[in-house]
Structure formats: structure tokens, C-alpha cells
């Protein structure tokens, strides 16, 4: 499945919708969207993972990159991560740097 990362912004919230497999071949696409998002003043970076089917170690590095690029007060919210993706994030301890949610913020 092809990977896409599509951004939109509403006030202090940037939403990046992730679809497909976030791996070594596609991580650069995600990193570019994160860099764009980091240029704005944000309160939240929301990653919609509802359609993300796979997260590799390169994808995890992309999440770490996102945390590093965002200002200290920016909350990163992961929405709709499937069990395998969430387990991968928890196994490496990154769940302490993000918030998991079942639905997009309003």
C-alpha cells in the first residue's frame, strides 16, 4: 500500500493524516510534513493513524524527530493507532512522549 502524509491546519492544531506503511522508504515524506508543521506556532500536532497499517523502526525515528522538532509545549496526539502500531510505540517507551486518542479533536 502506498504511503501518504497529508497536512491541514486549524488554528494552533496541525493534523497530519497518515495512510499506508511508514517505513524506511517512506519516512522522508512524514519528516517533510513535520518540518512544515514545526514552522508554525502550534499547541497540538495530531497524527491521524486510523489508516496507518505499519510502523517500522524508521517510522519510530520519524516520531522521535517530530517530538524533537516541536516546541516543548506542543502536545503530540496519536489518533486511531491500530494495536500493532500502538504496541510498537509502547515497547520502545515512546508512549510517554505522546497522547493516544480514539478520535480526532474537535
PDB file of N, CA and C in Angstrom:
ATOM      1  N   UNK A   1       0.839  -1.184   0.000  1.00  0.00           N
ATOM      2  CA  UNK A   1       0.000   0.000   0.000  1.00  0.00           C
ATOM      3  C   UNK A   1       0.879   1.241   0.000  1.00  0.00           C
ATOM      4  N   UNK A   2       0.565   2.197  -0.822  1.00  0.00           N
ATOM      5  CA  UNK A   2       1.319   3.443  -0.903  1.00  0.00           C
ATOM      6  C   UNK A   2       1.140   4.247   0.378  1.00  0.00           C
ATOM      7  N   UNK A   3       2.164   4.993   0.731  1.00  0.00           N
ATOM      8  CA  UNK A   3       2.120   5.823   1.926  1.00  0.00           C
ATOM      9  C   UNK A   3       1.813   7.261   1.529  1.00  0.00           C
ATOM     10  N   UNK A   4       0.960   7.910   2.320  1.00  0.00           N
ATOM     11  CA  UNK A   4       0.717   9.337   2.158  1.00  0.00           C
ATOM     12  C   UNK A   4       0.700  10.001   3.532  1.00  0.00           C
ATOM     13  N   UNK A   5       1.079  11.253   3.555  1.00  0.00           N
ATOM     14  CA  UNK A   5       1.012  12.091   4.753  1.00  0.00           C
ATOM     15  C   UNK A   5       0.464  13.435   4.297  1.00  0.00           C
ATOM     16  N   UNK A   6      -0.764  13.725   4.689  1.00  0.00           N
ATOM     17  CA  UNK A   6      -1.443  14.937   4.232  1.00  0.00           C
ATOM     18  C   UNK A   6      -1.736  15.820   5.438  1.00  0.00           C
ATOM     19  N   UNK A   7      -1.311  17.084   5.348  1.00  0.00           N
ATOM     20  CA  UNK A   7      -1.457  18.021   6.467  1.00  0.00           C
ATOM     21  C   UNK A   7      -2.584  19.011   6.248  1.00  0.00           C
ATOM     22  N   UNK A   8      -3.167  19.420   7.359  1.00  0.00           N
ATOM     23  CA  UNK A   8      -4.093  20.545   7.371  1.00  0.00           C
ATOM     24  C   UNK A   8      -3.912  21.263   8.706  1.00  0.00           C
ATOM     25  N   UNK A   9      -4.307  22.529   8.727  1.00  0.00           N
ATOM     26  CA  UNK A   9      -4.103  23.310   9.947  1.00  0.00           C
ATOM     27  C   UNK A   9      -5.380  24.039  10.304  1.00  0.00           C
ATOM     28  N   UNK A  10      -5.684  24.067  11.612  1.00  0.00           N
ATOM     29  CA  UNK A  10      -6.836  24.779  12.118  1.00  0.00           C
ATOM     30  C   UNK A  10      -6.392  25.470  13.405  1.00  0.00           C
ATOM     31  N   UNK A  11      -6.141  26.766  13.329  1.00  0.00           N
ATOM     32  CA  UNK A  11      -5.655  27.498  14.496  1.00  0.00           C
ATOM     33  C   UNK A  11      -4.300  26.960  14.945  1.00  0.00           C
ATOM     34  N   UNK A  12      -4.210  26.577  16.210  1.00  0.00           N
ATOM     35  CA  UNK A  12      -2.972  26.069  16.776  1.00  0.00           C
ATOM     36  C   UNK A  12      -2.800  24.577  16.653  1.00  0.00           C
ATOM     37  N   UNK A  13      -3.606  23.946  15.793  1.00  0.00           N
ATOM     38  CA  UNK A  13      -3.546  22.493  15.633  1.00  0.00           C
ATOM     39  C   UNK A  13      -3.202  22.151  14.185  1.00  0.00           C
ATOM     40  N   UNK A  14      -2.158  21.340  14.021  1.00  0.00           N
ATOM     41  CA  UNK A  14      -1.861  20.775  12.709  1.00  0.00           C
ATOM     42  C   UNK A  14      -2.206  19.299  12.753  1.00  0.00           C
ATOM     43  N   UNK A  15      -2.953  18.861  11.756  1.00  0.00           N
ATOM     44  CA  UNK A  15      -3.339  17.461  11.606  1.00  0.00           C
ATOM     45  C   UNK A  15      -2.570  16.886  10.428  1.00  0.00           C
ATOM     46  N   UNK A  16      -1.875  15.773  10.677  1.00  0.00           N
ATOM     47  CA  UNK A  16      -1.235  15.039   9.588  1.00  0.00           C
ATOM     48  C   UNK A  16      -1.909  13.674   9.523  1.00  0.00           C
ATOM     49  N   UNK A  17      -2.549  13.401   8.394  1.00  0.00           N
ATOM     50  CA  UNK A  17      -3.231  12.125   8.186  1.00  0.00           C
ATOM     51  C   UNK A  17      -2.268  11.170   7.494  1.00  0.00           C
ATOM     52  N   UNK A  18      -1.999  10.049   8.151  1.00  0.00           N
ATOM     53  CA  UNK A  18      -1.054   9.049   7.653  1.00  0.00           C
ATOM     54  C   UNK A  18      -1.810   7.849   7.115  1.00  0.00           C
ATOM     55  N   UNK A  19      -1.441   7.421   5.918  1.00  0.00           N
ATOM     56  CA  UNK A  19      -2.089   6.277   5.279  1.00  0.00           C
ATOM     57  C   UNK A  19      -1.020   5.342   4.738  1.00  0.00           C
ATOM     58  N   UNK A  20      -1.182   4.042   4.967  1.00  0.00           N
ATOM     59  CA  UNK A  20      -0.259   3.054   4.413  1.00  0.00           C
ATOM     60  C   UNK A  20       0.789   2.605   5.400  1.00  0.00           C
ATOM     61  N   UNK A  21       2.019   2.418   4.903  1.00  0.00           N
ATOM     62  CA  UNK A  21       3.111   1.889   5.711  1.00  0.00           C
ATOM     63  C   UNK A  21       4.192   2.951   5.880  1.00  0.00           C
ATOM     64  N   UNK A  22       4.465   3.303   7.133  1.00  0.00           N
ATOM     65  CA  UNK A  22       5.518   4.268   7.443  1.00  0.00           C
ATOM     66  C   UNK A  22       6.783   3.477   7.756  1.00  0.00           C
ATOM     67  N   UNK A  23       7.676   3.428   6.773  1.00  0.00           N
ATOM     68  CA  UNK A  23       8.885   2.616   6.892  1.00  0.00           C
ATOM     69  C   UNK A  23      10.081   3.374   6.334  1.00  0.00           C
ATOM     70  N   UNK A  24      11.189   2.690   6.135  1.00  0.00           N
ATOM     71  CA  UNK A  24      12.423   3.341   5.679  1.00  0.00           C
ATOM     72  C   UNK A  24      12.262   4.014   4.319  1.00  0.00           C
ATOM     73  N   UNK A  25      11.421   3.471   3.477  1.00  0.00           N
ATOM     74  CA  UNK A  25      11.236   4.047   2.143  1.00  0.00           C
ATOM     75  C   UNK A  25      10.333   5.280   2.136  1.00  0.00           C
ATOM     76  N   UNK A  26       9.509   5.415   3.161  1.00  0.00           N
ATOM     77  CA  UNK A  26       8.508   6.483   3.162  1.00  0.00           C
ATOM     78  C   UNK A  26       8.689   7.504   4.280  1.00  0.00           C
ATOM     79  N   UNK A  27       9.607   7.255   5.190  1.00  0.00           N
ATOM     80  CA  UNK A  27       9.770   8.125   6.364  1.00  0.00           C
ATOM     81  C   UNK A  27      10.080   9.569   5.977  1.00  0.00           C
ATOM     82  N   UNK A  28      10.771   9.767   4.865  1.00  0.00           N
ATOM     83  CA  UNK A  28      11.115  11.127   4.438  1.00  0.00           C
ATOM     84  C   UNK A  28       9.869  11.958   4.147  1.00  0.00           C
ATOM     85  N   UNK A  29       8.812  11.336   3.663  1.00  0.00           N
ATOM     86  CA  UNK A  29       7.561  12.051   3.373  1.00  0.00           C
ATOM     87  C   UNK A  29       6.980  12.601   4.677  1.00  0.00           C
ATOM     88  N   UNK A  30       6.963  11.761   5.705  1.00  0.00           N
ATOM     89  CA  UNK A  30       6.461  12.162   7.016  1.00  0.00           C
ATOM     90  C   UNK A  30       7.330  13.276   7.606  1.00  0.00           C
ATOM     91  N   UNK A  31       8.643  13.129   7.515  1.00  0.00           N
ATOM     92  CA  UNK A  31       9.551  14.131   8.062  1.00  0.00           C
ATOM     93  C   UNK A  31       9.333  15.500   7.406  1.00  0.00           C
ATOM     94  N   UNK A  32       9.080  15.521   6.112  1.00  0.00           N
ATOM     95  CA  UNK A  32       8.822  16.798   5.422  1.00  0.00           C
ATOM     96  C   UNK A  32       7.561  17.474   5.961  1.00  0.00           C
ATOM     97  N   UNK A  33       6.521  16.687   6.202  1.00  0.00           N
ATOM     98  CA  UNK A  33       5.283  17.256   6.756  1.00  0.00           C
ATOM     99  C   UNK A  33       5.515  17.778   8.171  1.00  0.00           C
ATOM    100  N   UNK A  34       6.299  17.064   8.959  1.00  0.00           N
ATOM    101  CA  UNK A  34       6.616  17.506  10.318  1.00  0.00           C
ATOM    102  C   UNK A  34       7.398  18.814  10.272  1.00  0.00           C
ATOM    103  N   UNK A  35       8.361  18.914   9.379  1.00  0.00           N
ATOM    104  CA  UNK A  35       9.143  20.142   9.259  1.00  0.00           C
ATOM    105  C   UNK A  35       8.260  21.330   8.896  1.00  0.00           C
ATOM    106  N   UNK A  36       7.305  21.116   7.988  1.00  0.00           N
ATOM    107  CA  UNK A  36       6.361  22.181   7.627  1.00  0.00           C
ATOM    108  C   UNK A  36       5.523  22.592   8.838  1.00  0.00           C
ATOM    109  N   UNK A  37       5.043  21.595   9.562  1.00  0.00           N
ATOM    110  CA  UNK A  37       4.206  21.867  10.739  1.00  0.00           C
ATOM    111  C   UNK A  37       4.991  22.638  11.800  1.00  0.00           C
ATOM    112  N   UNK A  38       6.265  22.321  11.963  1.00  0.00           N
ATOM    113  CA  UNK A  38       7.087  22.949  13.007  1.00  0.00           C
ATOM    114  C   UNK A  38       7.355  24.424  12.723  1.00  0.00           C
ATOM    115  N   UNK A  39       7.129  24.865  11.501  1.00  0.00           N
ATOM    116  CA  UNK A  39       7.350  26.270  11.151  1.00  0.00           C
ATOM    117  C   UNK A  39       6.282  27.182  11.752  1.00  0.00           C
ATOM    118  N   UNK A  40       5.140  26.616  12.113  1.00  0.00           N
ATOM    119  CA  UNK A  40       4.035  27.406  12.656  1.00  0.00           C
ATOM    120  C   UNK A  40       4.010  27.298  14.179  1.00  0.00           C
ATOM    121  N   UNK A  41       3.346  28.262  14.813  1.00  0.00           N
ATOM    122  CA  UNK A  41       3.140  28.163  16.258  1.00  0.00           C
ATOM    123  C   UNK A  41       1.999  27.193  16.501  1.00  0.00           C
ATOM    124  N   UNK A  42       2.293  26.131  17.215  1.00  0.00           N
ATOM    125  CA  UNK A  42       1.298  25.084  17.444  1.00  0.00           C
ATOM    126  C   UNK A  42       1.059  24.848  18.919  1.00  0.00           C
ATOM    127  N   UNK A  43      -0.152  24.385  19.220  1.00  0.00           N
ATOM    128  CA  UNK A  43      -0.478  23.856  20.532  1.00  0.00           C
ATOM    129  C   UNK A  43      -0.468  22.329  20.477  1.00  0.00           C
ATOM    130  N   UNK A  44      -0.912  21.794  19.323  1.00  0.00           N
ATOM    131  CA  UNK A  44      -1.003  20.345  19.144  1.00  0.00           C
ATOM    132  C   UNK A  44      -0.577  19.943  17.745  1.00  0.00           C
ATOM    133  N   UNK A  45       0.099  18.810  17.692  1.00  0.00           N
ATOM    134  CA  UNK A  45       0.345  18.114  16.435  1.00  0.00           C
ATOM    135  C   UNK A  45      -0.436  16.818  16.536  1.00  0.00           C
ATOM    136  N   UNK A  46      -1.443  16.680  15.689  1.00  0.00           N
ATOM    137  CA  UNK A  46      -2.298  15.493  15.716  1.00  0.00           C
ATOM    138  C   UNK A  46      -1.931  14.610  14.536  1.00  0.00           C
ATOM    139  N   UNK A  47      -1.608  13.360  14.822  1.00  0.00           N
ATOM    140  CA  UNK A  47      -1.289  12.386  13.783  1.00  0.00           C
ATOM    141  C   UNK A  47      -2.437  11.393  13.701  1.00  0.00           C
ATOM    142  N   UNK A  48      -3.189  11.472  12.608  1.00  0.00           N
ATOM    143  CA  UNK A  48      -4.303  10.549  12.388  1.00  0.00           C
ATOM    144  C   UNK A  48      -3.729   9.256  11.810  1.00  0.00           C
ATOM    145  N   UNK A  49      -3.700   8.210  12.640  1.00  0.00           N
ATOM    146  CA  UNK A  49      -3.109   6.921  12.261  1.00  0.00           C
ATOM    147  C   UNK A  49      -4.169   5.879  11.950  1.00  0.00           C
ATOM    148  N   UNK A  50      -5.400   6.321  11.763  1.00  0.00           N
ATOM    149  CA  UNK A  50      -6.509   5.404  11.522  1.00  0.00           C
ATOM    150  C   UNK A  50      -6.236   4.471  10.345  1.00  0.00           C
ATOM    151  N   UNK A  51      -5.606   5.006   9.292  1.00  0.00           N
ATOM    152  CA  UNK A  51      -5.328   4.222   8.091  1.00  0.00           C
ATOM    153  C   UNK A  51      -3.852   3.833   7.959  1.00  0.00           C
ATOM    154  N   UNK A  52      -3.090   3.989   9.042  1.00  0.00           N
ATOM    155  CA  UNK A  52      -1.689   3.573   9.036  1.00  0.00           C
ATOM    156  C   UNK A  52      -1.640   2.087   9.381  1.00  0.00           C
ATOM    157  N   UNK A  53      -1.139   1.287   8.458  1.00  0.00           N
ATOM    158  CA  UNK A  53      -1.159  -0.165   8.653  1.00  0.00           C
ATOM    159  C   UNK A  53       0.112  -0.712   9.273  1.00  0.00           C
ATOM    160  N   UNK A  54       1.224   0.044   9.184  1.00  0.00           N
ATOM    161  CA  UNK A  54       2.510  -0.494   9.646  1.00  0.00           C
ATOM    162  C   UNK A  54       3.432   0.654  10.039  1.00  0.00           C
ATOM    163  N   UNK A  55       4.188   0.442  11.099  1.00  0.00           N
ATOM    164  CA  UNK A  55       5.162   1.411  11.574  1.00  0.00           C
ATOM    165  C   UNK A  55       6.469   0.678  11.850  1.00  0.00           C
ATOM    166  N   UNK A  56       7.500   0.984  11.062  1.00  0.00           N
ATOM    167  CA  UNK A  56       8.806   0.334  11.234  1.00  0.00           C
ATOM    168  C   UNK A  56       9.671   1.151  12.195  1.00  0.00           C
ATOM    169  N   UNK A  57      10.892   0.680  12.406  1.00  0.00           N
ATOM    170  CA  UNK A  57      11.827   1.440  13.250  1.00  0.00           C
ATOM    171  C   UNK A  57      12.118   2.807  12.629  1.00  0.00           C
ATOM    172  N   UNK A  58      12.142   2.889  11.310  1.00  0.00           N
ATOM    173  CA  UNK A  58      12.324   4.187  10.649  1.00  0.00           C
ATOM    174  C   UNK A  58      11.131   5.094  10.925  1.00  0.00           C
ATOM    175  N   UNK A  59       9.947   4.524  10.991  1.00  0.00           N
ATOM    176  CA  UNK A  59       8.756   5.281  11.348  1.00  0.00           C
ATOM    177  C   UNK A  59       8.833   5.778  12.780  1.00  0.00           C
ATOM    178  N   UNK A  60       9.337   4.941  13.669  1.00  0.00           N
ATOM    179  CA  UNK A  60       9.536   5.366  15.060  1.00  0.00           C
ATOM    180  C   UNK A  60      10.526   6.528  15.131  1.00  0.00           C
ATOM    181  N   UNK A  61      11.586   6.449  14.354  1.00  0.00           N
ATOM    182  CA  UNK A  61      12.549   7.556  14.310  1.00  0.00           C
ATOM    183  C   UNK A  61      11.864   8.834  13.821  1.00  0.00           C
ATOM    184  N   UNK A  62      10.903   8.679  12.905  1.00  0.00           N
ATOM    185  CA  UNK A  62      10.132   9.828  12.448  1.00  0.00           C
ATOM    186  C   UNK A  62       9.314  10.449  13.565  1.00  0.00           C
ATOM    187  N   UNK A  63       8.750   9.621  14.434  1.00  0.00           N
ATOM    188  CA  UNK A  63       8.000  10.137  15.584  1.00  0.00           C
ATOM    189  C   UNK A  63       8.926  10.863  16.553  1.00  0.00           C
ATOM    190  N   UNK A  64      10.103  10.293  16.786  1.00  0.00           N
ATOM    191  CA  UNK A  64      11.091  10.948  17.652  1.00  0.00           C
ATOM    192  C   UNK A  64      11.497  12.289  17.040  1.00  0.00           C
ATOM    193  N   UNK A  65      11.693  12.305  15.731  1.00  0.00           N
ATOM    194  CA  UNK A  65      12.015  13.537  15.015  1.00  0.00           C
ATOM    195  C   UNK A  65      10.913  14.578  15.239  1.00  0.00           C
ATOM    196  N   UNK A  66       9.659  14.139  15.155  1.00  0.00           N
ATOM    197  CA  UNK A  66       8.531  15.048  15.365  1.00  0.00           C
ATOM    198  C   UNK A  66       8.580  15.637  16.772  1.00  0.00           C
ATOM    199  N   UNK A  67       8.834  14.809  17.759  1.00  0.00           N
ATOM    200  CA  UNK A  67       8.913  15.294  19.141  1.00  0.00           C
ATOM    201  C   UNK A  67      10.035  16.323  19.282  1.00  0.00           C
ATOM    202  N   UNK A  68      11.170  16.071  18.645  1.00  0.00           N
ATOM    203  CA  UNK A  68      12.314  16.970  18.740  1.00  0.00           C
ATOM    204  C   UNK A  68      12.066  18.283  18.003  1.00  0.00           C
ATOM    205  N   UNK A  69      11.344  18.250  16.906  1.00  0.00           N
ATOM    206  CA  UNK A  69      11.095  19.451  16.102  1.00  0.00           C
ATOM    207  C   UNK A  69      10.059  20.376  16.730  1.00  0.00           C
ATOM    208  N   UNK A  70       9.141  19.807  17.498  1.00  0.00           N
ATOM    209  CA  UNK A  70       8.081  20.610  18.089  1.00  0.00           C
ATOM    210  C   UNK A  70       8.586  21.328  19.341  1.00  0.00           C
ATOM    211  N   UNK A  71       8.059  22.510  19.582  1.00  0.00           N
ATOM    212  CA  UNK A  71       8.396  23.245  20.798  1.00  0.00           C
ATOM    213  C   UNK A  71       7.966  22.419  22.012  1.00  0.00           C
ATOM    214  N   UNK A  72       8.570  22.725  23.156  1.00  0.00           N
ATOM    215  CA  UNK A  72       8.318  21.940  24.370  1.00  0.00           C
ATOM    216  C   UNK A  72       6.846  21.854  24.753  1.00  0.00           C
ATOM    217  N   UNK A  73       6.085  22.901  24.548  1.00  0.00           N
ATOM    218  CA  UNK A  73       4.683  22.904  24.965  1.00  0.00           C
ATOM    219  C   UNK A  73       3.718  22.252  23.991  1.00  0.00           C
ATOM    220  N   UNK A  74       4.208  21.784  22.855  1.00  0.00           N
ATOM    221  CA  UNK A  74       3.329  21.198  21.838  1.00  0.00           C
ATOM    222  C   UNK A  74       3.021  19.746  22.210  1.00  0.00           C
ATOM    223  N   UNK A  75       1.745  19.447  22.290  1.00  0.00           N
ATOM    224  CA  UNK A  75       1.289  18.086  22.587  1.00  0.00           C
ATOM    225  C   UNK A  75       1.165  17.312  21.275  1.00  0.00           C
ATOM    226  N   UNK A  76       1.689  16.090  21.254  1.00  0.00           N
ATOM    227  CA  UNK A  76       1.544  15.229  20.082  1.00  0.00           C
ATOM    228  C   UNK A  76       0.485  14.181  20.411  1.00  0.00           C
ATOM    229  N   UNK A  77      -0.558  14.146  19.584  1.00  0.00           N
ATOM    230  CA  UNK A  77      -1.684  13.244  19.805  1.00  0.00           C
ATOM    231  C   UNK A  77      -1.721  12.232  18.663  1.00  0.00           C
ATOM    232  N   UNK A  78      -1.737  10.963  19.015  1.00  0.00           N
ATOM    233  CA  UNK A  78      -1.827   9.886  18.031  1.00  0.00           C
ATOM    234  C   UNK A  78      -3.249   9.352  18.057  1.00  0.00           C
ATOM    235  N   UNK A  79      -3.943   9.469  16.941  1.00  0.00           N
ATOM    236  CA  UNK A  79      -5.356   9.103  16.860  1.00  0.00           C
ATOM    237  C   UNK A  79      -5.516   7.818  16.062  1.00  0.00           C
ATOM    238  N   UNK A  80      -6.244   6.863  16.638  1.00  0.00           N
ATOM    239  CA  UNK A  80      -6.657   5.671  15.907  1.00  0.00           C
ATOM    240  C   UNK A  80      -5.551   4.695  15.561  1.00  0.00           C
ATOM    241  N   UNK A  81      -4.462   4.671  16.325  1.00  0.00           N
ATOM    242  CA  UNK A  81      -3.384   3.713  16.048  1.00  0.00           C
ATOM    243  C   UNK A  81      -3.894   2.290  16.246  1.00  0.00           C
ATOM    244  N   UNK A  82      -3.620   1.411  15.278  1.00  0.00           N
ATOM    245  CA  UNK A  82      -4.041   0.016  15.449  1.00  0.00           C
ATOM    246  C   UNK A  82      -3.194  -0.634  16.534  1.00  0.00           C
ATOM    247  N   UNK A  83      -3.585  -1.825  16.959  1.00  0.00           N
ATOM    248  CA  UNK A  83      -2.918  -2.490  18.084  1.00  0.00           C
ATOM    249  C   UNK A  83      -1.430  -2.703  17.838  1.00  0.00           C
ATOM    250  N   UNK A  84      -1.064  -3.120  16.624  1.00  0.00           N
ATOM    251  CA  UNK A  84       0.349  -3.392  16.323  1.00  0.00           C
ATOM    252  C   UNK A  84       1.171  -2.106  16.375  1.00  0.00           C
ATOM    253  N   UNK A  85       0.645  -1.028  15.818  1.00  0.00           N
ATOM    254  CA  UNK A  85       1.355   0.248  15.826  1.00  0.00           C
ATOM    255  C   UNK A  85       1.487   0.759  17.260  1.00  0.00           C
ATOM    256  N   UNK A  86       0.408   0.721  18.013  1.00  0.00           N
ATOM    257  CA  UNK A  86       0.454   1.188  19.402  1.00  0.00           C
ATOM    258  C   UNK A  86       1.419   0.346  20.232  1.00  0.00           C
ATOM    259  N   UNK A  87       1.405  -0.950  20.035  1.00  0.00           N
ATOM    260  CA  UNK A  87       2.308  -1.825  20.785  1.00  0.00           C
ATOM    261  C   UNK A  87       3.773  -1.496  20.462  1.00  0.00           C
ATOM    262  N   UNK A  88       4.069  -1.249  19.198  1.00  0.00           N
ATOM    263  CA  UNK A  88       5.429  -0.882  18.801  1.00  0.00           C
ATOM    264  C   UNK A  88       5.865   0.400  19.513  1.00  0.00           C
ATOM    265  N   UNK A  89       4.995   1.380  19.570  1.00  0.00           N
ATOM    266  CA  UNK A  89       5.307   2.652  20.222  1.00  0.00           C
ATOM    267  C   UNK A  89       5.516   2.446  21.720  1.00  0.00           C
ATOM    268  N   UNK A  90       4.677   1.616  22.326  1.00  0.00           N
ATOM    269  CA  UNK A  90       4.797   1.361  23.764  1.00  0.00           C
ATOM    270  C   UNK A  90       6.046   0.543  24.100  1.00  0.00           C
ATOM    271  N   UNK A  91       6.401  -0.400  23.239  1.00  0.00           N
ATOM    272  CA  UNK A  91       7.571  -1.246  23.503  1.00  0.00           C
ATOM    273  C   UNK A  91       8.860  -0.444  23.631  1.00  0.00           C
ATOM    274  N   UNK A  92       8.976   0.619  22.880  1.00  0.00           N
ATOM    275  CA  UNK A  92      10.197   1.426  22.941  1.00  0.00           C
ATOM    276  C   UNK A  92      10.081   2.567  23.957  1.00  0.00           C
ATOM    277  N   UNK A  93       8.939   2.674  24.625  1.00  0.00           N
ATOM    278  CA  UNK A  93       8.756   3.682  25.659  1.00  0.00           C
ATOM    279  C   UNK A  93       8.364   5.059  25.153  1.00  0.00           C
ATOM    280  N   UNK A  94       8.069   5.165  23.866  1.00  0.00           N
ATOM    281  CA  UNK A  94       7.746   6.471  23.306  1.00  0.00           C
ATOM    282  C   UNK A  94       6.346   6.943  23.712  1.00  0.00           C
ATOM    283  N   UNK A  95       5.535   6.044  24.238  1.00  0.00           N
ATOM    284  CA  UNK A  95       4.177   6.412  24.659  1.00  0.00           C
ATOM    285  C   UNK A  95       4.187   7.483  25.753  1.00  0.00           C
ATOM    286  N   UNK A  96       5.324   7.652  26.417  1.00  0.00           N
ATOM    287  CA  UNK A  96       5.425   8.673  27.457  1.00  0.00           C
ATOM    288  C   UNK A  96       5.561  10.075  26.870  1.00  0.00           C
ATOM    289  N   UNK A  97       5.833  10.156  25.577  1.00  0.00           N
ATOM    290  CA  UNK A  97       6.023  11.450  24.919  1.00  0.00           C
ATOM    291  C   UNK A  97       4.834  11.882  24.081  1.00  0.00           C
ATOM    292  N   UNK A  98       3.816  11.037  24.020  1.00  0.00           N
ATOM    293  CA  UNK A  98       2.640  11.322  23.185  1.00  0.00           C
ATOM    294  C   UNK A  98       1.379  10.983  23.963  1.00  0.00           C
ATOM    295  N   UNK A  99       0.246  11.367  23.373  1.00  0.00           N
ATOM    296  CA  UNK A  99      -1.062  11.036  23.934  1.00  0.00           C
ATOM    297  C   UNK A  99      -1.801  10.192  22.895  1.00  0.00           C
ATOM    298  N   UNK A 100      -2.341   9.056  23.319  1.00  0.00           N
ATOM    299  CA  UNK A 100      -3.157   8.232  22.434  1.00  0.00           C
ATOM    300  C   UNK A 100      -4.612   8.660  22.555  1.00  0.00           C
ATOM    301  N   UNK A 101      -5.320   8.660  21.425  1.00  0.00           N
ATOM    302  CA  UNK A 101      -6.732   9.019  21.418  1.00  0.00           C
ATOM    303  C   UNK A 101      -7.475   8.158  20.414  1.00  0.00           C
ATOM    304  N   UNK A 102      -8.762   7.973  20.661  1.00  0.00           N
ATOM    305  CA  UNK A 102      -9.593   7.195  19.741  1.00  0.00           C
ATOM    306  C   UNK A 102     -10.257   8.047  18.683  1.00  0.00           C
ATOM    307  N   UNK A 103     -10.239   9.392  18.896  1.00  0.00           N
ATOM    308  CA  UNK A 103     -10.906  10.243  17.911  1.00  0.00           C
ATOM    309  C   UNK A 103     -10.185  11.574  17.763  1.00  0.00           C
ATOM    310  N   UNK A 104     -10.437  12.179  16.633  1.00  0.00           N
ATOM    311  CA  UNK A 104      -9.814  13.459  16.321  1.00  0.00           C
ATOM    312  C   UNK A 104     -10.358  14.561  17.232  1.00  0.00           C
ATOM    313  N   UNK A 105      -9.513  15.501  17.620  1.00  0.00           N
ATOM    314  CA  UNK A 105     -10.003  16.621  18.423  1.00  0.00           C
ATOM    315  C   UNK A 105     -10.975  17.466  17.607  1.00  0.00           C
ATOM    316  N   UNK A 106     -11.885  18.091  18.294  1.00  0.00           N
ATOM    317  CA  UNK A 106     -12.899  18.892  17.591  1.00  0.00           C
ATOM    318  C   UNK A 106     -12.453  20.293  17.387  1.00  0.00           C
TER     319      UNK A 106
END
